[in-house]
Amino acid sequence: LDAIAEQDFLDLVESLEEEFQREYIAQEVDADHDRVVIVG
């Protein structure tokens, strides 16, 4: 529990969202097109 408590939570979240932001930009999402999952 002490190790969990010592985790810098906000720093972890910020670094994760920076990664997601880079991946999101890499996807080059086209806002004019729906991104679709088909289910059969």
PDB file of all heavy atoms in Angstrom:
ATOM      1  N   LEU A   1       0.821  -1.200   0.000  1.00  0.00           N
ATOM      2  CA  LEU A   1       0.000   0.000   0.000  1.00  0.00           C
ATOM      3  C   LEU A   1       0.860   1.258   0.000  1.00  0.00           C
ATOM      4  O   LEU A   1       0.507   2.262  -0.606  1.00  0.00           O
ATOM      5  CB  LEU A   1      -0.924  -0.003   1.222  1.00  0.00           C
ATOM      6  CG  LEU A   1      -2.185  -0.872   1.115  1.00  0.00           C
ATOM      7  CD1 LEU A   1      -3.023  -0.714   2.373  1.00  0.00           C
ATOM      8  CD2 LEU A   1      -2.990  -0.518  -0.113  1.00  0.00           C
ATOM      9  N   ASP A   2       1.998   1.216   0.691  1.00  0.00           N
ATOM     10  CA  ASP A   2       2.879   2.377   0.704  1.00  0.00           C
ATOM     11  C   ASP A   2       3.412   2.673  -0.703  1.00  0.00           C
ATOM     12  O   ASP A   2       3.511   3.829  -1.114  1.00  0.00           O
ATOM     13  CB  ASP A   2       4.047   2.141   1.671  1.00  0.00           C
ATOM     14  CG  ASP A   2       3.597   2.165   3.128  1.00  0.00           C
ATOM     15  OD1 ASP A   2       2.541   2.785   3.401  1.00  0.00           O
ATOM     16  OD2 ASP A   2       4.277   1.565   3.971  1.00  0.00           O
ATOM     17  N   ALA A   3       3.734   1.599  -1.452  1.00  0.00           N
ATOM     18  CA  ALA A   3       4.228   1.798  -2.816  1.00  0.00           C
ATOM     19  C   ALA A   3       3.140   2.380  -3.716  1.00  0.00           C
ATOM     20  O   ALA A   3       3.415   3.228  -4.569  1.00  0.00           O
ATOM     21  CB  ALA A   3       4.741   0.474  -3.381  1.00  0.00           C
ATOM     22  N   ILE A   4       1.898   1.915  -3.519  1.00  0.00           N
ATOM     23  CA  ILE A   4       0.782   2.468  -4.287  1.00  0.00           C
ATOM     24  C   ILE A   4       0.596   3.947  -3.953  1.00  0.00           C
ATOM     25  O   ILE A   4       0.405   4.798  -4.828  1.00  0.00           O
ATOM     26  CB  ILE A   4      -0.520   1.697  -3.984  1.00  0.00           C
ATOM     27  CG1 ILE A   4      -0.459   0.282  -4.582  1.00  0.00           C
ATOM     28  CG2 ILE A   4      -1.736   2.434  -4.525  1.00  0.00           C
ATOM     29  CD1 ILE A   4      -0.602   0.218  -6.078  1.00  0.00           C
ATOM     30  N   ALA A   5       0.661   4.278  -2.665  1.00  0.00           N
ATOM     31  CA  ALA A   5       0.446   5.653  -2.229  1.00  0.00           C
ATOM     32  C   ALA A   5       1.531   6.583  -2.759  1.00  0.00           C
ATOM     33  O   ALA A   5       1.289   7.775  -2.977  1.00  0.00           O
ATOM     34  CB  ALA A   5       0.389   5.717  -0.709  1.00  0.00           C
ATOM     35  N   GLU A   6       2.737   6.057  -2.969  1.00  0.00           N
ATOM     36  CA  GLU A   6       3.841   6.889  -3.428  1.00  0.00           C
ATOM     37  C   GLU A   6       3.801   7.148  -4.936  1.00  0.00           C
ATOM     38  O   GLU A   6       4.591   7.937  -5.448  1.00  0.00           O
ATOM     39  CB  GLU A   6       5.169   6.220  -3.058  1.00  0.00           C
ATOM     40  CG  GLU A   6       5.438   6.219  -1.553  1.00  0.00           C
ATOM     41  CD  GLU A   6       6.626   5.368  -1.191  1.00  0.00           C
ATOM     42  OE1 GLU A   6       7.247   4.778  -2.118  1.00  0.00           O
ATOM     43  OE2 GLU A   6       6.931   5.263   0.015  1.00  0.00           O
ATOM     44  N   GLN A   7       2.905   6.464  -5.658  1.00  0.00           N
ATOM     45  CA  GLN A   7       2.797   6.671  -7.110  1.00  0.00           C
ATOM     46  C   GLN A   7       2.372   8.111  -7.398  1.00  0.00           C
ATOM     47  O   GLN A   7       1.457   8.641  -6.781  1.00  0.00           O
ATOM     48  CB  GLN A   7       1.764   5.707  -7.711  1.00  0.00           C
ATOM     49  CG  GLN A   7       2.174   4.260  -7.723  1.00  0.00           C
ATOM     50  CD  GLN A   7       3.150   3.949  -8.849  1.00  0.00           C
ATOM     51  OE1 GLN A   7       3.212   4.663  -9.848  1.00  0.00           O
ATOM     52  NE2 GLN A   7       3.910   2.879  -8.678  1.00  0.00           N
ATOM     53  N   ASP A   8       3.059   8.767  -8.336  1.00  0.00           N
ATOM     54  CA  ASP A   8       2.666  10.118  -8.760  1.00  0.00           C
ATOM     55  C   ASP A   8       1.535   9.969  -9.768  1.00  0.00           C
ATOM     56  O   ASP A   8       1.759   9.815 -10.970  1.00  0.00           O
ATOM     57  CB  ASP A   8       3.856  10.853  -9.378  1.00  0.00           C
ATOM     58  CG  ASP A   8       3.554  12.335  -9.608  1.00  0.00           C
ATOM     59  OD1 ASP A   8       2.369  12.677  -9.776  1.00  0.00           O
ATOM     60  OD2 ASP A   8       4.507  13.129  -9.617  1.00  0.00           O
ATOM     61  N   PHE A   9       0.304   9.992  -9.272  1.00  0.00           N
ATOM     62  CA  PHE A   9      -0.871   9.685 -10.087  1.00  0.00           C
ATOM     63  C   PHE A   9      -1.050  10.673 -11.244  1.00  0.00           C
ATOM     64  O   PHE A   9      -1.227  10.286 -12.404  1.00  0.00           O
ATOM     65  CB  PHE A   9      -2.114   9.675  -9.201  1.00  0.00           C
ATOM     66  CG  PHE A   9      -3.402   9.570  -9.954  1.00  0.00           C
ATOM     67  CD1 PHE A   9      -3.692   8.461 -10.726  1.00  0.00           C
ATOM     68  CD2 PHE A   9      -4.331  10.597  -9.913  1.00  0.00           C
ATOM     69  CE1 PHE A   9      -4.868   8.368 -11.430  1.00  0.00           C
ATOM     70  CE2 PHE A   9      -5.514  10.520 -10.607  1.00  0.00           C
ATOM     71  CZ  PHE A   9      -5.788   9.400 -11.369  1.00  0.00           C
ATOM     72  N   LEU A  10      -0.989  11.957 -10.977  1.00  0.00           N
ATOM     73  CA  LEU A  10      -1.216  12.955 -12.026  1.00  0.00           C
ATOM     74  C   LEU A  10      -0.133  12.901 -13.095  1.00  0.00           C
ATOM     75  O   LEU A  10      -0.420  13.057 -14.291  1.00  0.00           O
ATOM     76  CB  LEU A  10      -1.282  14.355 -11.410  1.00  0.00           C
ATOM     77  CG  LEU A  10      -2.492  14.622 -10.513  1.00  0.00           C
ATOM     78  CD1 LEU A  10      -2.457  16.032  -9.964  1.00  0.00           C
ATOM     79  CD2 LEU A  10      -3.793  14.382 -11.295  1.00  0.00           C
ATOM     80  N   ASP A  11       1.106  12.641 -12.684  1.00  0.00           N
ATOM     81  CA  ASP A  11       2.182  12.510 -13.664  1.00  0.00           C
ATOM     82  C   ASP A  11       1.941  11.303 -14.561  1.00  0.00           C
ATOM     83  O   ASP A  11       2.173  11.353 -15.776  1.00  0.00           O
ATOM     84  CB  ASP A  11       3.526  12.375 -12.938  1.00  0.00           C
ATOM     85  CG  ASP A  11       4.693  12.291 -13.914  1.00  0.00           C
ATOM     86  OD1 ASP A  11       4.933  13.283 -14.627  1.00  0.00           O
ATOM     87  OD2 ASP A  11       5.336  11.223 -13.964  1.00  0.00           O
ATOM     88  N   LEU A  12       1.464  10.186 -13.965  1.00  0.00           N
ATOM     89  CA  LEU A  12       1.150   8.982 -14.748  1.00  0.00           C
ATOM     90  C   LEU A  12       0.062   9.273 -15.771  1.00  0.00           C
ATOM     91  O   LEU A  12       0.194   8.930 -16.951  1.00  0.00           O
ATOM     92  CB  LEU A  12       0.706   7.858 -13.813  1.00  0.00           C
ATOM     93  CG  LEU A  12       0.148   6.592 -14.476  1.00  0.00           C
ATOM     94  CD1 LEU A  12       1.216   5.897 -15.308  1.00  0.00           C
ATOM     95  CD2 LEU A  12      -0.435   5.641 -13.438  1.00  0.00           C
ATOM     96  N   VAL A  13      -1.013   9.940 -15.335  1.00  0.00           N
ATOM     97  CA  VAL A  13      -2.129  10.232 -16.235  1.00  0.00           C
ATOM     98  C   VAL A  13      -1.691  11.152 -17.366  1.00  0.00           C
ATOM     99  O   VAL A  13      -2.033  10.942 -18.536  1.00  0.00           O
ATOM    100  CB  VAL A  13      -3.301  10.850 -15.449  1.00  0.00           C
ATOM    101  CG1 VAL A  13      -4.369  11.372 -16.403  1.00  0.00           C
ATOM    102  CG2 VAL A  13      -3.906   9.823 -14.507  1.00  0.00           C
ATOM    103  N   GLU A  14      -0.910  12.175 -17.040  1.00  0.00           N
ATOM    104  CA  GLU A  14      -0.453  13.115 -18.070  1.00  0.00           C
ATOM    105  C   GLU A  14       0.416  12.413 -19.112  1.00  0.00           C
ATOM    106  O   GLU A  14       0.281  12.660 -20.322  1.00  0.00           O
ATOM    107  CB  GLU A  14       0.320  14.258 -17.416  1.00  0.00           C
ATOM    108  CG  GLU A  14      -0.563  15.227 -16.642  1.00  0.00           C
ATOM    109  CD  GLU A  14       0.247  16.291 -15.923  1.00  0.00           C
ATOM    110  OE1 GLU A  14       1.500  16.277 -16.078  1.00  0.00           O
ATOM    111  OE2 GLU A  14      -0.348  17.118 -15.214  1.00  0.00           O
ATOM    112  N   SER A  15       1.302  11.532 -18.669  1.00  0.00           N
ATOM    113  CA  SER A  15       2.160  10.814 -19.621  1.00  0.00           C
ATOM    114  C   SER A  15       1.348   9.870 -20.495  1.00  0.00           C
ATOM    115  O   SER A  15       1.620   9.734 -21.703  1.00  0.00           O
ATOM    116  CB  SER A  15       3.245  10.036 -18.859  1.00  0.00           C
ATOM    117  OG  SER A  15       2.673   9.037 -18.029  1.00  0.00           O
ATOM    118  N   LEU A  16       0.332   9.217 -19.907  1.00  0.00           N
ATOM    119  CA  LEU A  16      -0.522   8.331 -20.700  1.00  0.00           C
ATOM    120  C   LEU A  16      -1.273   9.113 -21.769  1.00  0.00           C
ATOM    121  O   LEU A  16      -1.344   8.699 -22.936  1.00  0.00           O
ATOM    122  CB  LEU A  16      -1.513   7.599 -19.788  1.00  0.00           C
ATOM    123  CG  LEU A  16      -0.950   6.502 -18.875  1.00  0.00           C
ATOM    124  CD1 LEU A  16      -2.049   5.956 -17.978  1.00  0.00           C
ATOM    125  CD2 LEU A  16      -0.327   5.385 -19.697  1.00  0.00           C
ATOM    126  N   GLU A  17      -1.836  10.250 -21.380  1.00  0.00           N
ATOM    127  CA  GLU A  17      -2.624  11.027 -22.344  1.00  0.00           C
ATOM    128  C   GLU A  17      -1.742  11.644 -23.419  1.00  0.00           C
ATOM    129  O   GLU A  17      -2.202  11.854 -24.543  1.00  0.00           O
ATOM    130  CB  GLU A  17      -3.447  12.079 -21.613  1.00  0.00           C
ATOM    131  CG  GLU A  17      -4.580  11.454 -20.793  1.00  0.00           C
ATOM    132  CD  GLU A  17      -5.586  12.468 -20.291  1.00  0.00           C
ATOM    133  OE1 GLU A  17      -5.213  13.652 -20.141  1.00  0.00           O
ATOM    134  OE2 GLU A  17      -6.749  12.080 -20.038  1.00  0.00           O
ATOM    135  N   GLU A  18      -0.490  11.918 -23.112  1.00  0.00           N
ATOM    136  CA  GLU A  18       0.437  12.365 -24.148  1.00  0.00           C
ATOM    137  C   GLU A  18       0.651  11.266 -25.180  1.00  0.00           C
ATOM    138  O   GLU A  18       0.707  11.526 -26.389  1.00  0.00           O
ATOM    139  CB  GLU A  18       1.774  12.771 -23.516  1.00  0.00           C
ATOM    140  CG  GLU A  18       1.731  14.105 -22.778  1.00  0.00           C
ATOM    141  CD  GLU A  18       3.063  14.435 -22.119  1.00  0.00           C
ATOM    142  OE1 GLU A  18       4.020  13.648 -22.303  1.00  0.00           O
ATOM    143  OE2 GLU A  18       3.132  15.466 -21.432  1.00  0.00           O
ATOM    144  N   GLU A  19       0.770  10.016 -24.712  1.00  0.00           N
ATOM    145  CA  GLU A  19       0.888   8.886 -25.644  1.00  0.00           C
ATOM    146  C   GLU A  19      -0.352   8.762 -26.501  1.00  0.00           C
ATOM    147  O   GLU A  19      -0.274   8.568 -27.729  1.00  0.00           O
ATOM    148  CB  GLU A  19       1.119   7.585 -24.859  1.00  0.00           C
ATOM    149  CG  GLU A  19       2.462   7.470 -24.175  1.00  0.00           C
ATOM    150  CD  GLU A  19       2.600   6.113 -23.493  1.00  0.00           C
ATOM    151  OE1 GLU A  19       2.115   5.110 -24.052  1.00  0.00           O
ATOM    152  OE2 GLU A  19       3.174   6.069 -22.387  1.00  0.00           O
ATOM    153  N   PHE A  20      -1.530   8.836 -25.869  1.00  0.00           N
ATOM    154  CA  PHE A  20      -2.771   8.715 -26.618  1.00  0.00           C
ATOM    155  C   PHE A  20      -2.900   9.829 -27.648  1.00  0.00           C
ATOM    156  O   PHE A  20      -3.394   9.618 -28.756  1.00  0.00           O
ATOM    157  CB  PHE A  20      -3.977   8.740 -25.671  1.00  0.00           C
ATOM    158  CG  PHE A  20      -4.027   7.575 -24.714  1.00  0.00           C
ATOM    159  CD1 PHE A  20      -4.568   7.722 -23.448  1.00  0.00           C
ATOM    160  CD2 PHE A  20      -3.520   6.351 -25.070  1.00  0.00           C
ATOM    161  CE1 PHE A  20      -4.612   6.656 -22.572  1.00  0.00           C
ATOM    162  CE2 PHE A  20      -3.554   5.274 -24.208  1.00  0.00           C
ATOM    163  CZ  PHE A  20      -4.103   5.429 -22.941  1.00  0.00           C
ATOM    164  N   GLN A  21      -2.455  11.042 -27.265  1.00  0.00           N
ATOM    165  CA  GLN A  21      -2.533  12.172 -28.191  1.00  0.00           C
ATOM    166  C   GLN A  21      -1.672  11.909 -29.416  1.00  0.00           C
ATOM    167  O   GLN A  21      -2.098  12.162 -30.552  1.00  0.00           O
ATOM    168  CB  GLN A  21      -2.076  13.448 -27.488  1.00  0.00           C
ATOM    169  CG  GLN A  21      -2.125  14.700 -28.354  1.00  0.00           C
ATOM    170  CD  GLN A  21      -3.536  15.128 -28.665  1.00  0.00           C
ATOM    171  OE1 GLN A  21      -4.429  14.951 -27.862  1.00  0.00           O
ATOM    172  NE2 GLN A  21      -3.751  15.667 -29.845  1.00  0.00           N
ATOM    173  N   ARG A  22      -0.466  11.368 -29.209  1.00  0.00           N
ATOM    174  CA  ARG A  22       0.407  11.059 -30.350  1.00  0.00           C
ATOM    175  C   ARG A  22      -0.209   9.994 -31.242  1.00  0.00           C
ATOM    176  O   ARG A  22      -0.179  10.096 -32.475  1.00  0.00           O
ATOM    177  CB  ARG A  22       1.780  10.602 -29.851  1.00  0.00           C
ATOM    178  CG  ARG A  22       2.636  11.729 -29.291  1.00  0.00           C
ATOM    179  CD  ARG A  22       4.072  11.274 -29.113  1.00  0.00           C
ATOM    180  NE  ARG A  22       4.185  10.251 -28.084  1.00  0.00           N
ATOM    181  CZ  ARG A  22       4.421  10.517 -26.806  1.00  0.00           C
ATOM    182  NH1 ARG A  22       4.558  11.765 -26.398  1.00  0.00           N
ATOM    183  NH2 ARG A  22       4.536   9.536 -25.924  1.00  0.00           N
ATOM    184  N   GLU A  23      -0.781   8.944 -30.628  1.00  0.00           N
ATOM    185  CA  GLU A  23      -1.406   7.885 -31.413  1.00  0.00           C
ATOM    186  C   GLU A  23      -2.637   8.403 -32.146  1.00  0.00           C
ATOM    187  O   GLU A  23      -2.921   8.036 -33.280  1.00  0.00           O
ATOM    188  CB  GLU A  23      -1.787   6.713 -30.500  1.00  0.00           C
ATOM    189  CG  GLU A  23      -0.605   6.016 -29.854  1.00  0.00           C
ATOM    190  CD  GLU A  23       0.297   5.347 -30.878  1.00  0.00           C
ATOM    191  OE1 GLU A  23      -0.195   5.010 -31.966  1.00  0.00           O
ATOM    192  OE2 GLU A  23       1.493   5.191 -30.607  1.00  0.00           O
ATOM    193  N   TYR A  24      -3.381   9.277 -31.487  1.00  0.00           N
ATOM    194  CA  TYR A  24      -4.595   9.845 -32.091  1.00  0.00           C
ATOM    195  C   TYR A  24      -4.244  10.656 -33.331  1.00  0.00           C
ATOM    196  O   TYR A  24      -4.890  10.548 -34.371  1.00  0.00           O
ATOM    197  CB  TYR A  24      -5.309  10.710 -31.066  1.00  0.00           C
ATOM    198  CG  TYR A  24      -6.591  11.342 -31.551  1.00  0.00           C
ATOM    199  CD1 TYR A  24      -7.758  10.599 -31.653  1.00  0.00           C
ATOM    200  CD2 TYR A  24      -6.627  12.683 -31.898  1.00  0.00           C
ATOM    201  CE1 TYR A  24      -8.939  11.181 -32.092  1.00  0.00           C
ATOM    202  CE2 TYR A  24      -7.791  13.277 -32.337  1.00  0.00           C
ATOM    203  CZ  TYR A  24      -8.954  12.518 -32.430  1.00  0.00           C
ATOM    204  OH  TYR A  24     -10.109  13.100 -32.871  1.00  0.00           O
ATOM    205  N   ILE A  25      -3.195  11.460 -33.238  1.00  0.00           N
ATOM    206  CA  ILE A  25      -2.766  12.258 -34.385  1.00  0.00           C
ATOM    207  C   ILE A  25      -2.268  11.339 -35.498  1.00  0.00           C
ATOM    208  O   ILE A  25      -2.526  11.565 -36.684  1.00  0.00           O
ATOM    209  CB  ILE A  25      -1.670  13.242 -33.958  1.00  0.00           C
ATOM    210  CG1 ILE A  25      -2.254  14.276 -32.988  1.00  0.00           C
ATOM    211  CG2 ILE A  25      -1.045  13.929 -35.159  1.00  0.00           C
ATOM    212  CD1 ILE A  25      -1.218  15.192 -32.375  1.00  0.00           C
ATOM    213  N   ALA A  26      -1.575  10.257 -35.121  1.00  0.00           N
ATOM    214  CA  ALA A  26      -1.058   9.318 -36.122  1.00  0.00           C
ATOM    215  C   ALA A  26      -2.165   8.637 -36.903  1.00  0.00           C
ATOM    216  O   ALA A  26      -1.977   8.241 -38.057  1.00  0.00           O
ATOM    217  CB  ALA A  26      -0.170   8.271 -35.449  1.00  0.00           C
ATOM    218  N   GLN A  27      -3.332   8.492 -36.274  1.00  0.00           N
ATOM    219  CA  GLN A  27      -4.443   7.820 -36.959  1.00  0.00           C
ATOM    220  C   GLN A  27      -5.024   8.673 -38.077  1.00  0.00           C
ATOM    221  O   GLN A  27      -5.689   8.164 -38.973  1.00  0.00           O
ATOM    222  CB  GLN A  27      -5.550   7.486 -35.958  1.00  0.00           C
ATOM    223  CG  GLN A  27      -5.212   6.341 -35.048  1.00  0.00           C
ATOM    224  CD  GLN A  27      -6.333   6.070 -34.059  1.00  0.00           C
ATOM    225  OE1 GLN A  27      -7.338   6.769 -34.020  1.00  0.00           O
ATOM    226  NE2 GLN A  27      -6.170   5.045 -33.262  1.00  0.00           N
ATOM    227  N   GLU A  28      -4.789  10.004 -38.017  1.00  0.00           N
ATOM    228  CA  GLU A  28      -5.318  10.928 -39.028  1.00  0.00           C
ATOM    229  C   GLU A  28      -6.808  10.706 -39.229  1.00  0.00           C
ATOM    230  O   GLU A  28      -7.298  10.423 -40.326  1.00  0.00           O
ATOM    231  CB  GLU A  28      -4.578  10.764 -40.359  1.00  0.00           C
ATOM    232  CG  GLU A  28      -3.103  11.053 -40.253  1.00  0.00           C
ATOM    233  CD  GLU A  28      -2.376  10.818 -41.562  1.00  0.00           C
ATOM    234  OE1 GLU A  28      -2.955  10.165 -42.451  1.00  0.00           O
ATOM    235  OE2 GLU A  28      -1.237  11.267 -41.688  1.00  0.00           O
ATOM    236  N   VAL A  29      -7.535  10.826 -38.142  1.00  0.00           N
ATOM    237  CA  VAL A  29      -8.975  10.586 -38.171  1.00  0.00           C
ATOM    238  C   VAL A  29      -9.654  11.614 -39.054  1.00  0.00           C
ATOM    239  O   VAL A  29      -9.443  12.812 -38.903  1.00  0.00           O
ATOM    240  CB  VAL A  29      -9.558  10.640 -36.742  1.00  0.00           C
ATOM    241  CG1 VAL A  29     -11.061  10.482 -36.771  1.00  0.00           C
ATOM    242  CG2 VAL A  29      -8.916   9.565 -35.886  1.00  0.00           C
ATOM    243  N   ASP A  30     -10.464  11.164 -39.984  1.00  0.00           N
ATOM    244  CA  ASP A  30     -11.233  12.041 -40.868  1.00  0.00           C
ATOM    245  C   ASP A  30     -12.591  12.283 -40.241  1.00  0.00           C
ATOM    246  O   ASP A  30     -13.412  11.380 -40.139  1.00  0.00           O
ATOM    247  CB  ASP A  30     -11.399  11.383 -42.249  1.00  0.00           C
ATOM    248  CG  ASP A  30     -12.015  12.341 -43.259  1.00  0.00           C
ATOM    249  OD1 ASP A  30     -12.567  13.380 -42.842  1.00  0.00           O
ATOM    250  OD2 ASP A  30     -11.943  12.045 -44.464  1.00  0.00           O
ATOM    251  N   ALA A  31     -12.825  13.512 -39.829  1.00  0.00           N
ATOM    252  CA  ALA A  31     -14.077  13.832 -39.140  1.00  0.00           C
ATOM    253  C   ALA A  31     -15.288  13.708 -40.048  1.00  0.00           C
ATOM    254  O   ALA A  31     -16.420  13.626 -39.572  1.00  0.00           O
ATOM    255  CB  ALA A  31     -13.999  15.245 -38.554  1.00  0.00           C
ATOM    256  N   ASP A  32     -15.062  13.714 -41.379  1.00  0.00           N
ATOM    257  CA  ASP A  32     -16.178  13.640 -42.310  1.00  0.00           C
ATOM    258  C   ASP A  32     -16.655  12.212 -42.537  1.00  0.00           C
ATOM    259  O   ASP A  32     -17.644  11.995 -43.230  1.00  0.00           O
ATOM    260  CB  ASP A  32     -15.784  14.259 -43.661  1.00  0.00           C
ATOM    261  CG  ASP A  32     -15.526  15.756 -43.540  1.00  0.00           C
ATOM    262  OD1 ASP A  32     -16.124  16.374 -42.637  1.00  0.00           O
ATOM    263  OD2 ASP A  32     -14.727  16.284 -44.328  1.00  0.00           O
ATOM    264  N   HIS A  33     -15.941  11.232 -42.014  1.00  0.00           N
ATOM    265  CA  HIS A  33     -16.296   9.844 -42.224  1.00  0.00           C
ATOM    266  C   HIS A  33     -16.563   9.160 -40.881  1.00  0.00           C
ATOM    267  O   HIS A  33     -15.785   9.321 -39.932  1.00  0.00           O
ATOM    268  CB  HIS A  33     -15.173   9.096 -42.951  1.00  0.00           C
ATOM    269  CG  HIS A  33     -15.008   9.509 -44.382  1.00  0.00           C
ATOM    270  ND1 HIS A  33     -14.421  10.697 -44.742  1.00  0.00           N
ATOM    271  CD2 HIS A  33     -15.378   8.896 -45.544  1.00  0.00           C
ATOM    272  CE1 HIS A  33     -14.420  10.791 -46.065  1.00  0.00           C
ATOM    273  NE2 HIS A  33     -14.987   9.722 -46.567  1.00  0.00           N
ATOM    274  N   ASP A  34     -17.632   8.397 -40.848  1.00  0.00           N
ATOM    275  CA  ASP A  34     -17.885   7.581 -39.663  1.00  0.00           C
ATOM    276  C   ASP A  34     -16.861   6.459 -39.595  1.00  0.00           C
ATOM    277  O   ASP A  34     -16.504   5.859 -40.616  1.00  0.00           O
ATOM    278  CB  ASP A  34     -19.301   6.989 -39.717  1.00  0.00           C
ATOM    279  CG  ASP A  34     -20.365   8.003 -39.362  1.00  0.00           C
ATOM    280  OD1 ASP A  34     -20.159   8.747 -38.392  1.00  0.00           O
ATOM    281  OD2 ASP A  34     -21.396   8.047 -40.049  1.00  0.00           O
ATOM    282  N   ARG A  35     -16.398   6.173 -38.390  1.00  0.00           N
ATOM    283  CA  ARG A  35     -15.490   5.056 -38.153  1.00  0.00           C
ATOM    284  C   ARG A  35     -16.338   3.916 -37.601  1.00  0.00           C
ATOM    285  O   ARG A  35     -16.882   4.016 -36.504  1.00  0.00           O
ATOM    286  CB  ARG A  35     -14.379   5.463 -37.183  1.00  0.00           C
ATOM    287  CG  ARG A  35     -13.462   6.538 -37.758  1.00  0.00           C
ATOM    288  CD  ARG A  35     -12.536   7.126 -36.705  1.00  0.00           C
ATOM    289  NE  ARG A  35     -11.681   6.113 -36.089  1.00  0.00           N
ATOM    290  CZ  ARG A  35     -10.576   5.627 -36.624  1.00  0.00           C
ATOM    291  NH1 ARG A  35     -10.173   6.066 -37.813  1.00  0.00           N
ATOM    292  NH2 ARG A  35      -9.854   4.720 -35.994  1.00  0.00           N
ATOM    293  N   VAL A  36     -16.446   2.833 -38.372  1.00  0.00           N
ATOM    294  CA  VAL A  36     -17.521   1.862 -38.178  1.00  0.00           C
ATOM    295  C   VAL A  36     -16.989   0.494 -37.782  1.00  0.00           C
ATOM    296  O   VAL A  36     -16.002   0.006 -38.340  1.00  0.00           O
ATOM    297  CB  VAL A  36     -18.364   1.734 -39.469  1.00  0.00           C
ATOM    298  CG1 VAL A  36     -19.522   0.760 -39.264  1.00  0.00           C
ATOM    299  CG2 VAL A  36     -18.884   3.102 -39.902  1.00  0.00           C
ATOM    300  N   VAL A  37     -17.673  -0.111 -36.819  1.00  0.00           N
ATOM    301  CA  VAL A  37     -17.499  -1.528 -36.498  1.00  0.00           C
ATOM    302  C   VAL A  37     -18.764  -2.252 -36.943  1.00  0.00           C
ATOM    303  O   VAL A  37     -19.873  -1.847 -36.591  1.00  0.00           O
ATOM    304  CB  VAL A  37     -17.270  -1.746 -34.986  1.00  0.00           C
ATOM    305  CG1 VAL A  37     -17.309  -3.238 -34.654  1.00  0.00           C
ATOM    306  CG2 VAL A  37     -15.940  -1.154 -34.557  1.00  0.00           C
ATOM    307  N   ILE A  38     -18.613  -3.296 -37.733  1.00  0.00           N
ATOM    308  CA  ILE A  38     -19.733  -4.089 -38.236  1.00  0.00           C
ATOM    309  C   ILE A  38     -19.933  -5.299 -37.323  1.00  0.00           C
ATOM    310  O   ILE A  38     -18.961  -5.930 -36.897  1.00  0.00           O
ATOM    311  CB  ILE A  38     -19.469  -4.541 -39.683  1.00  0.00           C
ATOM    312  CG1 ILE A  38     -19.587  -3.351 -40.645  1.00  0.00           C
ATOM    313  CG2 ILE A  38     -20.420  -5.642 -40.099  1.00  0.00           C
ATOM    314  CD1 ILE A  38     -19.227  -3.707 -42.058  1.00  0.00           C
ATOM    315  N   VAL A  39     -21.190  -5.626 -37.051  1.00  0.00           N
ATOM    316  CA  VAL A  39     -21.511  -6.788 -36.221  1.00  0.00           C
ATOM    317  C   VAL A  39     -22.487  -7.681 -36.983  1.00  0.00           C
ATOM    318  O   VAL A  39     -23.535  -7.213 -37.440  1.00  0.00           O
ATOM    319  CB  VAL A  39     -22.133  -6.369 -34.871  1.00  0.00           C
ATOM    320  CG1 VAL A  39     -22.429  -7.606 -34.029  1.00  0.00           C
ATOM    321  CG2 VAL A  39     -21.214  -5.422 -34.122  1.00  0.00           C
ATOM    322  N   GLY A  40     -22.131  -8.954 -37.119  1.00  0.00           N
ATOM    323  CA  GLY A  40     -22.995  -9.910 -37.797  1.00  0.00           C
ATOM    324  C   GLY A  40     -23.337 -11.084 -36.890  1.00  0.00           C
ATOM    325  O   GLY A  40     -22.542 -11.462 -36.019  1.00  0.00           O
TER     326      GLY A  40
END
